[in-house]
Amino acid sequence: MKLRVGLDIGTTKIICIIGGIDDGKYTVIDFAREESLGVVEGVINNISKTINSIKATVRDLKKKTAENIKEVSIGVAGRYINNINQSDYINIKKDNKKRIIQKSDLEKLKSQIREMVINADEKIINIYPQSFKVDGQRTDDPVGMNADRLDGTYHVISADASAIENIKQCVQGSNLSLSHITLESIASANAVLSEEEKDAGVLIVDIGGGTTDIAIFKDSVIKHTSVIPFGGNNITENIEHEFGITNSKAERLKIEYGSITAEEESIVKVKMFKNQEKEVKLSELSNLIKISVRTNIIENIHNQLEIYGYNKKGNRLIAGIVLTGGGANLKGIKQYFKHIIGLETQVGFNKVTKTNKGGDITCPSFSTSIGLLIQDIDSSSTDYSDKSRATKFKFSKFAQNIFKDLKKMVEDDKS
């Protein structure tokens, strides 16, 4: 099995994960996780601290696996991320005659798109095709068709060039080379979404420590992405300030007792300094978390859905919302998302095989790192295709239930 490595440089944690394809399935061999130092809201603000955190994580994984880790795939998120849908065209005909569209024509069109949106202060991370027209007729795959003109629309994800250089500097300073850079929400989508969900329309919400990253898929195409500069750390900080406790105590309180739906009047005693204790009502904690999630995260997500136009007939997200990232572990969060936004909501779990060496990697906290691993595996495999990928993930029960009603909804639209 050829091994590849995903490296998730998050705001609160760094995860390094190693695996490959075994018997036709994505397989994780092992992982290492360390505290992330030097990253704030997805942005590196201390090079030396980040390098030390990466080195510690990689060193731990090397000890576990005895593998010589040299190359990694990483994810990006933060305020410095931008996205735009851009269209352009190229003339295919030659000597006033139609010509067959070739792959090189797609590359030419993609290059034109790149030149249209890039500037000196930005670096393009990914360009994803959304739709094509051949002489005005829509098509999913224009290669091989006779045409006068080819039009294309692409989703372009770019970032502040200096921020990307800082990431590269941290990777190189850790004695590693960089294989791929991917937007974290797209990486997480690779780990938890099925091809059927992407086709029907789905919003993935990756709630991390410093940011909440979203991506919308429809017709198996990336339609919209955004990075919201709020995450689990903001909830912790609100708890810290409201109840007058330390940040570490607030984090523990959130993890152990935090819930959006708790209504009981139970009281938790938080140990402070010199045997002092602070009493916290769980109902007050729940209400604070609910307000934090709604104002900092859900309202921003709703705004992004409006920009996408999810209520329009052709943009409906039949597969609803899938939550992932560490914030998806918060009690009652999926019910709250469904209540406020009005879309069916589920927590996504990573659909991978693991060896006995690894711990529980199916939980949402590992989605980005596993998605980065999958990205690296797919890009390095010569006999692997998107079509075969759909058979390697089990179709989620949530999606199975949703698609039972799909035919009826389509018929209702037509009527």
Protein backbone atom coordinates (compact mmCIF):
# COMPACT_ATOMS: atom_id res chain seq x y z
CA MET A 1 0.00 0.00 0.00
CA LYS A 2 1.40 3.37 -1.04
CA LEU A 3 1.17 5.70 1.93
CA ARG A 4 0.22 9.37 1.82
CA VAL A 5 -0.06 11.99 4.59
CA GLY A 6 -2.62 14.67 5.48
CA LEU A 7 -1.67 17.52 7.81
CA ASP A 8 -4.44 19.61 9.38
CA ILE A 9 -2.96 22.82 10.81
CA GLY A 10 -5.92 24.00 12.85
CA THR A 11 -6.39 26.82 15.33
CA THR A 12 -6.63 24.53 18.36
CA LYS A 13 -4.99 21.32 17.20
CA ILE A 14 -2.65 19.86 14.59
CA ILE A 15 -3.43 16.40 13.26
CA CYS A 16 -1.08 14.40 11.07
CA ILE A 17 -2.62 11.27 9.56
CA ILE A 18 -1.13 8.56 7.35
CA GLY A 19 -2.85 5.99 5.16
CA GLY A 20 -3.57 4.77 1.67
CA ILE A 21 -5.77 2.49 -0.44
CA ASP A 22 -6.10 -1.09 0.82
CA ASP A 23 -8.40 -3.56 -0.90
CA GLY A 24 -10.14 -0.71 -2.70
CA LYS A 25 -10.89 1.26 0.48
CA TYR A 26 -9.39 4.35 2.07
CA THR A 27 -7.43 3.06 5.05
CA VAL A 28 -5.87 5.01 7.91
CA ILE A 29 -2.75 3.48 9.42
CA ASP A 30 -2.32 5.87 12.33
CA PHE A 31 -2.43 9.51 13.39
CA ALA A 32 -0.86 11.95 15.84
CA ARG A 33 -2.43 15.00 17.43
CA GLU A 34 -0.82 17.92 19.28
CA GLU A 35 -1.89 21.34 20.53
CA SER A 36 -1.65 24.01 17.84
CA LEU A 37 0.39 27.07 18.80
CA GLY A 38 0.85 30.12 16.61
CA VAL A 39 -2.47 29.97 14.70
CA VAL A 40 -5.37 32.39 15.30
CA GLU A 41 -8.68 32.08 13.40
CA GLY A 42 -6.99 29.87 10.84
CA VAL A 43 -4.18 32.36 10.20
CA ILE A 44 -0.55 31.70 11.17
CA ASN A 45 0.68 34.57 13.33
CA ASN A 46 3.79 32.94 14.81
CA ILE A 47 6.01 30.98 12.42
CA SER A 48 8.35 29.44 15.02
CA LYS A 49 5.54 28.23 17.31
CA THR A 50 3.66 26.69 14.39
CA ILE A 51 6.80 24.92 13.15
CA ASN A 52 7.42 23.50 16.61
CA SER A 53 3.83 22.23 16.80
CA ILE A 54 4.09 20.59 13.37
CA LYS A 55 7.44 19.01 14.21
CA ALA A 56 6.07 17.58 17.46
CA THR A 57 3.06 16.06 15.65
CA VAL A 58 5.11 14.55 12.84
CA ARG A 59 7.73 13.26 15.27
CA ASP A 60 5.02 11.49 17.26
CA LEU A 61 3.57 9.88 14.13
CA LYS A 62 7.00 8.73 13.00
CA LYS A 63 7.51 7.00 16.35
CA LYS A 64 4.16 5.26 16.05
CA THR A 65 4.58 4.05 12.48
CA ALA A 66 8.33 3.96 11.85
CA GLU A 67 7.55 5.67 8.53
CA ASN A 68 9.78 8.40 7.10
CA ILE A 69 7.29 11.23 6.52
CA LYS A 70 8.54 13.70 3.93
CA GLU A 71 5.55 15.02 1.97
CA VAL A 72 2.17 16.25 3.23
CA SER A 73 -1.13 17.61 1.93
CA ILE A 74 -2.48 20.58 3.91
CA GLY A 75 -5.70 22.56 4.23
CA VAL A 76 -6.31 26.30 4.43
CA ALA A 77 -8.97 28.43 6.07
CA GLY A 78 -9.15 31.94 7.44
CA ARG A 79 -10.12 35.52 6.69
CA TYR A 80 -7.64 35.61 3.82
CA ILE A 81 -9.67 33.16 1.68
CA ASN A 82 -11.70 34.54 -1.25
CA ASN A 83 -13.98 32.85 -3.78
CA ILE A 84 -15.63 33.89 -7.02
CA ASN A 85 -17.53 32.28 -9.90
CA GLN A 86 -15.93 33.39 -13.17
CA SER A 87 -16.96 32.73 -16.79
CA ASP A 88 -15.06 33.00 -20.07
CA TYR A 89 -14.95 31.40 -23.51
CA ILE A 90 -12.58 30.31 -26.28
CA ASN A 91 -13.14 29.94 -30.03
CA ILE A 92 -12.78 26.35 -31.15
CA LYS A 93 -13.26 26.67 -34.89
CA LYS A 94 -10.23 26.87 -37.10
CA ASP A 95 -10.20 28.19 -40.69
CA ASN A 96 -13.94 28.91 -40.29
CA LYS A 97 -14.62 25.22 -39.62
CA LYS A 98 -15.82 23.50 -36.49
CA ARG A 99 -13.23 21.51 -34.58
CA ILE A 100 -13.37 18.74 -31.98
CA ILE A 101 -12.87 20.00 -28.44
CA GLN A 102 -9.81 18.48 -26.78
CA LYS A 103 -8.54 18.42 -23.20
CA SER A 104 -5.99 21.05 -24.14
CA ASP A 105 -8.88 23.42 -24.91
CA LEU A 106 -10.16 23.01 -21.36
CA GLU A 107 -6.70 23.78 -20.02
CA LYS A 108 -6.56 26.89 -22.18
CA LEU A 109 -9.94 28.06 -20.89
CA LYS A 110 -8.86 27.36 -17.32
CA SER A 111 -5.69 29.39 -17.86
CA GLN A 112 -7.74 32.33 -19.13
CA ILE A 113 -9.91 32.14 -16.01
CA ARG A 114 -6.79 32.14 -13.86
CA GLU A 115 -5.45 35.26 -15.57
CA MET A 116 -8.78 37.06 -15.18
CA VAL A 117 -9.04 36.74 -11.39
CA ILE A 118 -5.47 36.68 -10.13
CA ASN A 119 -3.53 39.70 -8.95
CA ALA A 120 -0.16 40.29 -7.33
CA ASP A 121 -1.55 40.08 -3.80
CA GLU A 122 -3.39 36.79 -4.27
CA LYS A 123 -2.59 33.17 -5.03
CA ILE A 124 -5.12 30.79 -6.56
CA ILE A 125 -5.54 27.63 -4.49
CA ASN A 126 -8.13 25.68 -6.50
CA ILE A 127 -10.18 26.13 -9.67
CA TYR A 128 -13.24 23.90 -10.03
CA PRO A 129 -15.32 23.68 -13.23
CA GLN A 130 -19.03 24.31 -12.69
CA SER A 131 -20.64 24.22 -16.12
CA PHE A 132 -19.87 24.26 -19.85
CA LYS A 133 -21.69 25.32 -23.00
CA VAL A 134 -20.83 24.13 -26.49
CA ASP A 135 -22.25 26.57 -29.06
CA GLY A 136 -24.78 27.65 -26.43
CA GLN A 137 -25.81 24.11 -25.45
CA ARG A 138 -25.10 23.02 -21.87
CA THR A 139 -22.99 19.90 -21.35
CA ASP A 140 -21.20 18.19 -18.49
CA ASP A 141 -18.28 17.00 -20.61
CA PRO A 142 -17.45 19.00 -23.77
CA VAL A 143 -14.39 16.95 -24.77
CA GLY A 144 -14.93 15.18 -28.11
CA MET A 145 -17.74 17.46 -29.28
CA ASN A 146 -17.63 19.46 -32.51
CA ALA A 147 -17.92 23.16 -31.84
CA ASP A 148 -17.37 26.74 -32.88
CA ARG A 149 -17.15 28.05 -29.32
CA LEU A 150 -16.70 26.72 -25.79
CA ASP A 151 -17.99 28.62 -22.74
CA GLY A 152 -17.12 27.67 -19.17
CA THR A 153 -17.84 28.80 -15.62
CA TYR A 154 -15.42 28.00 -12.81
CA HIS A 155 -15.43 28.38 -9.04
CA VAL A 156 -12.11 30.00 -8.16
CA ILE A 157 -10.72 29.88 -4.62
CA SER A 158 -7.84 32.23 -3.89
CA ALA A 159 -5.99 33.49 -0.84
CA ASP A 160 -3.72 36.27 0.32
CA ALA A 161 -0.32 35.41 -1.14
CA SER A 162 1.61 36.26 2.04
CA ALA A 163 -0.63 33.97 4.14
CA ILE A 164 0.03 31.08 1.77
CA GLU A 165 3.77 31.77 1.85
CA ASN A 166 3.67 31.65 5.65
CA ILE A 167 2.03 28.20 5.48
CA LYS A 168 4.67 27.00 3.02
CA GLN A 169 7.40 28.39 5.24
CA CYS A 170 6.05 26.43 8.21
CA VAL A 171 5.90 23.21 6.19
CA GLN A 172 9.41 23.66 4.82
CA GLY A 173 10.69 24.71 8.25
CA SER A 174 9.39 21.39 9.56
CA ASN A 175 11.59 19.55 7.02
CA LEU A 176 8.59 18.58 4.90
CA SER A 177 7.57 19.18 1.31
CA LEU A 178 4.11 20.23 0.20
CA SER A 179 2.11 18.02 -2.17
CA HIS A 180 -1.30 19.79 -2.23
CA ILE A 181 -3.18 22.72 -0.74
CA THR A 182 -6.97 22.39 -0.39
CA LEU A 183 -9.71 24.50 1.15
CA GLU A 184 -10.58 22.80 4.44
CA SER A 185 -14.34 22.63 3.83
CA ILE A 186 -13.74 20.79 0.56
CA ALA A 187 -11.33 18.43 2.27
CA SER A 188 -13.95 17.68 4.94
CA ALA A 189 -16.53 17.08 2.21
CA ASN A 190 -14.26 14.42 0.72
CA ALA A 191 -14.30 12.62 4.07
CA VAL A 192 -18.00 12.64 4.93
CA LEU A 193 -20.16 13.20 1.84
CA SER A 194 -21.35 10.65 -0.68
CA GLU A 195 -21.51 11.42 -4.39
CA GLU A 196 -25.31 11.10 -4.20
CA GLU A 197 -25.49 13.84 -1.57
CA LYS A 198 -23.28 16.14 -3.64
CA ASP A 199 -25.48 15.54 -6.65
CA ALA A 200 -28.78 16.24 -4.85
CA GLY A 201 -27.48 19.38 -3.17
CA VAL A 202 -25.85 19.64 0.24
CA LEU A 203 -24.25 22.20 2.52
CA ILE A 204 -21.29 20.99 4.55
CA VAL A 205 -20.47 23.03 7.65
CA ASP A 206 -17.06 22.40 9.23
CA ILE A 207 -17.05 24.03 12.69
CA GLY A 208 -13.44 24.31 13.81
CA GLY A 209 -11.79 26.10 16.68
CA GLY A 210 -11.09 29.40 14.92
CA THR A 211 -13.26 29.30 11.79
CA THR A 212 -16.40 27.73 10.37
CA ASP A 213 -15.82 26.61 6.79
CA ILE A 214 -18.71 25.91 4.43
CA ALA A 215 -19.10 24.45 0.96
CA ILE A 216 -22.24 23.98 -1.12
CA PHE A 217 -22.47 21.15 -3.65
CA LYS A 218 -25.20 20.75 -6.27
CA ASP A 219 -25.25 18.47 -9.31
CA SER A 220 -21.93 17.06 -8.04
CA VAL A 221 -20.33 20.49 -8.53
CA ILE A 222 -18.93 22.98 -6.01
CA LYS A 223 -21.29 25.95 -6.17
CA HIS A 224 -20.23 28.14 -3.27
CA THR A 225 -17.61 28.29 -0.52
CA SER A 226 -16.98 30.62 2.38
CA VAL A 227 -14.87 30.90 5.53
CA ILE A 228 -16.65 32.39 8.55
CA PRO A 229 -14.16 33.79 11.12
CA PHE A 230 -15.99 32.29 14.11
CA GLY A 231 -15.72 28.84 15.66
CA GLY A 232 -15.65 26.88 18.88
CA ASN A 233 -13.08 29.20 20.45
CA ASN A 234 -15.55 32.07 20.31
CA ILE A 235 -18.04 30.04 22.32
CA THR A 236 -15.33 29.27 24.88
CA GLU A 237 -14.36 32.94 25.13
CA ASN A 238 -17.99 33.94 25.70
CA ILE A 239 -18.24 31.40 28.53
CA GLU A 240 -14.99 32.70 29.99
CA HIS A 241 -16.16 36.31 30.09
CA GLU A 242 -19.74 35.62 31.15
CA PHE A 243 -18.89 33.44 34.15
CA GLY A 244 -15.53 34.95 35.08
CA ILE A 245 -13.47 31.78 34.75
CA THR A 246 -10.21 30.97 32.99
CA ASN A 247 -10.15 29.98 29.33
CA SER A 248 -9.08 26.41 30.12
CA LYS A 249 -11.92 26.02 32.64
CA ALA A 250 -14.38 27.48 30.12
CA GLU A 251 -13.25 25.00 27.46
CA ARG A 252 -13.65 22.07 29.83
CA LEU A 253 -17.06 23.35 30.93
CA LYS A 254 -18.15 23.57 27.28
CA ILE A 255 -16.95 20.06 26.45
CA GLU A 256 -18.32 18.32 29.56
CA TYR A 257 -21.59 20.19 30.13
CA GLY A 258 -22.18 22.35 27.08
CA SER A 259 -25.50 21.81 25.33
CA ILE A 260 -27.83 23.92 23.23
CA THR A 261 -30.92 22.10 24.45
CA ALA A 262 -30.27 21.79 28.21
CA GLU A 263 -33.01 23.38 30.32
CA GLU A 264 -32.46 21.82 33.76
CA GLU A 265 -31.56 24.08 36.66
CA SER A 266 -28.61 21.96 37.78
CA ILE A 267 -25.54 23.76 39.07
CA VAL A 268 -21.94 22.85 38.30
CA LYS A 269 -19.13 23.95 40.60
CA VAL A 270 -15.99 25.08 38.77
CA LYS A 271 -12.80 24.93 40.83
CA MET A 272 -10.84 28.16 40.72
CA PHE A 273 -7.75 29.37 42.57
CA LYS A 274 -6.80 28.35 46.13
CA ASN A 275 -9.78 26.00 46.47
CA GLN A 276 -12.25 28.69 45.43
CA GLU A 277 -15.31 27.56 43.47
CA LYS A 278 -17.58 29.26 40.97
CA GLU A 279 -21.16 28.07 40.54
CA VAL A 280 -22.55 27.87 37.00
CA LYS A 281 -26.19 27.12 36.20
CA LEU A 282 -26.46 24.73 33.26
CA SER A 283 -29.52 26.55 31.98
CA GLU A 284 -27.51 29.79 31.80
CA LEU A 285 -24.60 27.96 30.14
CA SER A 286 -26.98 26.47 27.57
CA ASN A 287 -28.57 29.82 26.80
CA LEU A 288 -25.16 31.47 26.33
CA ILE A 289 -24.00 28.72 23.97
CA LYS A 290 -27.26 28.95 22.01
CA ILE A 291 -26.82 32.72 21.55
CA SER A 292 -23.15 32.31 20.56
CA VAL A 293 -23.90 29.64 17.96
CA ARG A 294 -26.79 31.58 16.46
CA THR A 295 -25.19 35.05 16.27
CA ASN A 296 -21.64 34.02 15.39
CA ILE A 297 -22.20 30.99 13.18
CA ILE A 298 -25.77 30.26 12.06
CA GLU A 299 -26.66 33.81 11.01
CA ASN A 300 -23.47 34.01 8.93
CA ILE A 301 -24.25 30.66 7.33
CA HIS A 302 -27.78 31.79 6.55
CA ASN A 303 -26.37 34.88 4.83
CA GLN A 304 -24.15 32.66 2.66
CA LEU A 305 -27.14 30.48 1.76
CA GLU A 306 -29.00 33.61 0.66
CA ILE A 307 -26.04 34.63 -1.52
CA TYR A 308 -26.11 31.18 -3.12
CA GLY A 309 -29.89 31.38 -3.55
CA TYR A 310 -30.79 28.07 -1.91
CA ASN A 311 -34.53 28.80 -2.01
CA LYS A 312 -34.58 28.98 -5.80
CA LYS A 313 -36.08 25.99 -7.56
CA GLY A 314 -32.89 24.79 -9.24
CA ASN A 315 -30.70 25.44 -6.19
CA ARG A 316 -32.54 23.42 -3.58
CA LEU A 317 -30.35 21.43 -1.21
CA ILE A 318 -32.23 18.13 -1.10
CA ALA A 319 -29.62 16.46 1.13
CA GLY A 320 -29.75 19.31 3.63
CA ILE A 321 -26.89 20.21 5.95
CA VAL A 322 -24.04 17.99 7.16
CA LEU A 323 -22.12 19.21 10.20
CA THR A 324 -18.53 18.24 10.86
CA GLY A 325 -15.47 19.48 12.72
CA GLY A 326 -15.05 19.58 16.50
CA GLY A 327 -18.02 21.92 16.92
CA ALA A 328 -20.34 19.25 15.52
CA ASN A 329 -19.90 17.33 18.80
CA LEU A 330 -21.86 19.99 20.72
CA LYS A 331 -25.04 18.48 22.15
CA GLY A 332 -28.20 19.54 20.39
CA ILE A 333 -26.46 21.43 17.60
CA LYS A 334 -27.98 19.53 14.67
CA GLN A 335 -31.50 20.04 16.01
CA TYR A 336 -30.79 23.73 16.49
CA PHE A 337 -29.48 24.13 12.92
CA LYS A 338 -32.59 22.44 11.54
CA HIS A 339 -34.85 24.62 13.70
CA ILE A 340 -33.24 27.94 12.71
CA ILE A 341 -32.30 27.33 9.06
CA GLY A 342 -35.13 24.95 8.16
CA LEU A 343 -33.06 22.30 6.39
CA GLU A 344 -32.63 18.68 7.44
CA THR A 345 -29.38 18.47 9.39
CA GLN A 346 -27.11 15.57 10.31
CA VAL A 347 -23.65 15.13 11.80
CA GLY A 348 -21.21 13.67 9.29
CA PHE A 349 -18.90 10.83 10.23
CA ASN A 350 -15.77 9.86 8.34
CA LYS A 351 -16.28 6.81 6.16
CA VAL A 352 -12.85 5.21 6.29
CA THR A 353 -11.31 1.94 7.34
CA LYS A 354 -8.77 2.01 10.16
CA THR A 355 -6.13 -0.40 11.38
CA ASN A 356 -5.84 -1.51 14.98
CA LYS A 357 -3.12 1.07 15.56
CA GLY A 358 -5.40 4.07 15.12
CA GLY A 359 -7.97 5.34 17.62
CA ASP A 360 -11.49 6.48 16.81
CA ILE A 361 -11.11 8.41 13.57
CA THR A 362 -14.76 8.39 12.53
CA CYS A 363 -15.64 11.38 14.74
CA PRO A 364 -16.12 14.81 13.09
CA SER A 365 -12.88 16.23 14.56
CA PHE A 366 -10.86 14.21 12.04
CA SER A 367 -12.82 15.18 8.91
CA THR A 368 -10.36 17.75 7.57
CA SER A 369 -7.24 15.64 8.10
CA ILE A 370 -8.87 12.56 6.56
CA GLY A 371 -10.17 14.62 3.66
CA LEU A 372 -6.65 15.94 3.02
CA LEU A 373 -5.37 12.37 3.07
CA ILE A 374 -8.03 11.34 0.55
CA GLN A 375 -7.13 14.33 -1.65
CA ASP A 376 -3.50 13.23 -1.67
CA ILE A 377 -4.38 9.61 -2.37
CA ASP A 378 -6.66 10.53 -5.27
CA SER A 379 -4.14 12.90 -6.82
CA SER A 380 -1.29 10.40 -6.62
CA SER A 381 -3.23 7.37 -7.91
CA THR A 382 -3.02 6.57 -11.62
CA ASP A 383 -5.81 4.00 -11.66
CA TYR A 384 -8.32 5.86 -9.55
CA SER A 385 -11.31 7.87 -10.73
CA ASP A 386 -14.19 9.86 -9.28
CA LYS A 387 -16.56 7.21 -10.55
CA SER A 388 -14.86 4.46 -8.55
CA ARG A 389 -14.71 6.67 -5.45
CA ALA A 390 -18.49 6.56 -5.05
CA THR A 391 -18.31 2.78 -4.50
CA LYS A 392 -15.78 3.10 -1.70
CA PHE A 393 -18.04 5.05 0.63
CA LYS A 394 -21.20 3.59 2.06
CA PHE A 395 -24.29 5.61 1.26
CA SER A 396 -25.34 7.28 4.56
CA LYS A 397 -28.70 6.36 6.09
CA PHE A 398 -29.62 10.04 6.12
CA ALA A 399 -29.14 10.25 2.36
CA GLN A 400 -31.07 7.01 1.83
CA ASN A 401 -34.10 8.45 3.64
CA ILE A 402 -33.88 11.78 1.85
CA PHE A 403 -33.72 10.28 -1.62
CA LYS A 404 -36.88 8.26 -1.12
CA ASP A 405 -38.78 11.53 -1.39
CA LEU A 406 -36.68 13.04 -4.17
CA LYS A 407 -38.84 11.79 -7.02
CA LYS A 408 -41.99 13.12 -5.41
CA MET A 409 -40.44 16.55 -4.84
CA VAL A 410 -39.35 16.80 -8.46
CA GLU A 411 -42.86 15.89 -9.59
CA ASP A 412 -44.31 18.54 -7.25
CA ASP A 413 -41.98 21.16 -8.76
CA LYS A 414 -43.14 20.32 -12.26
CA SER A 415 -46.75 20.64 -11.25
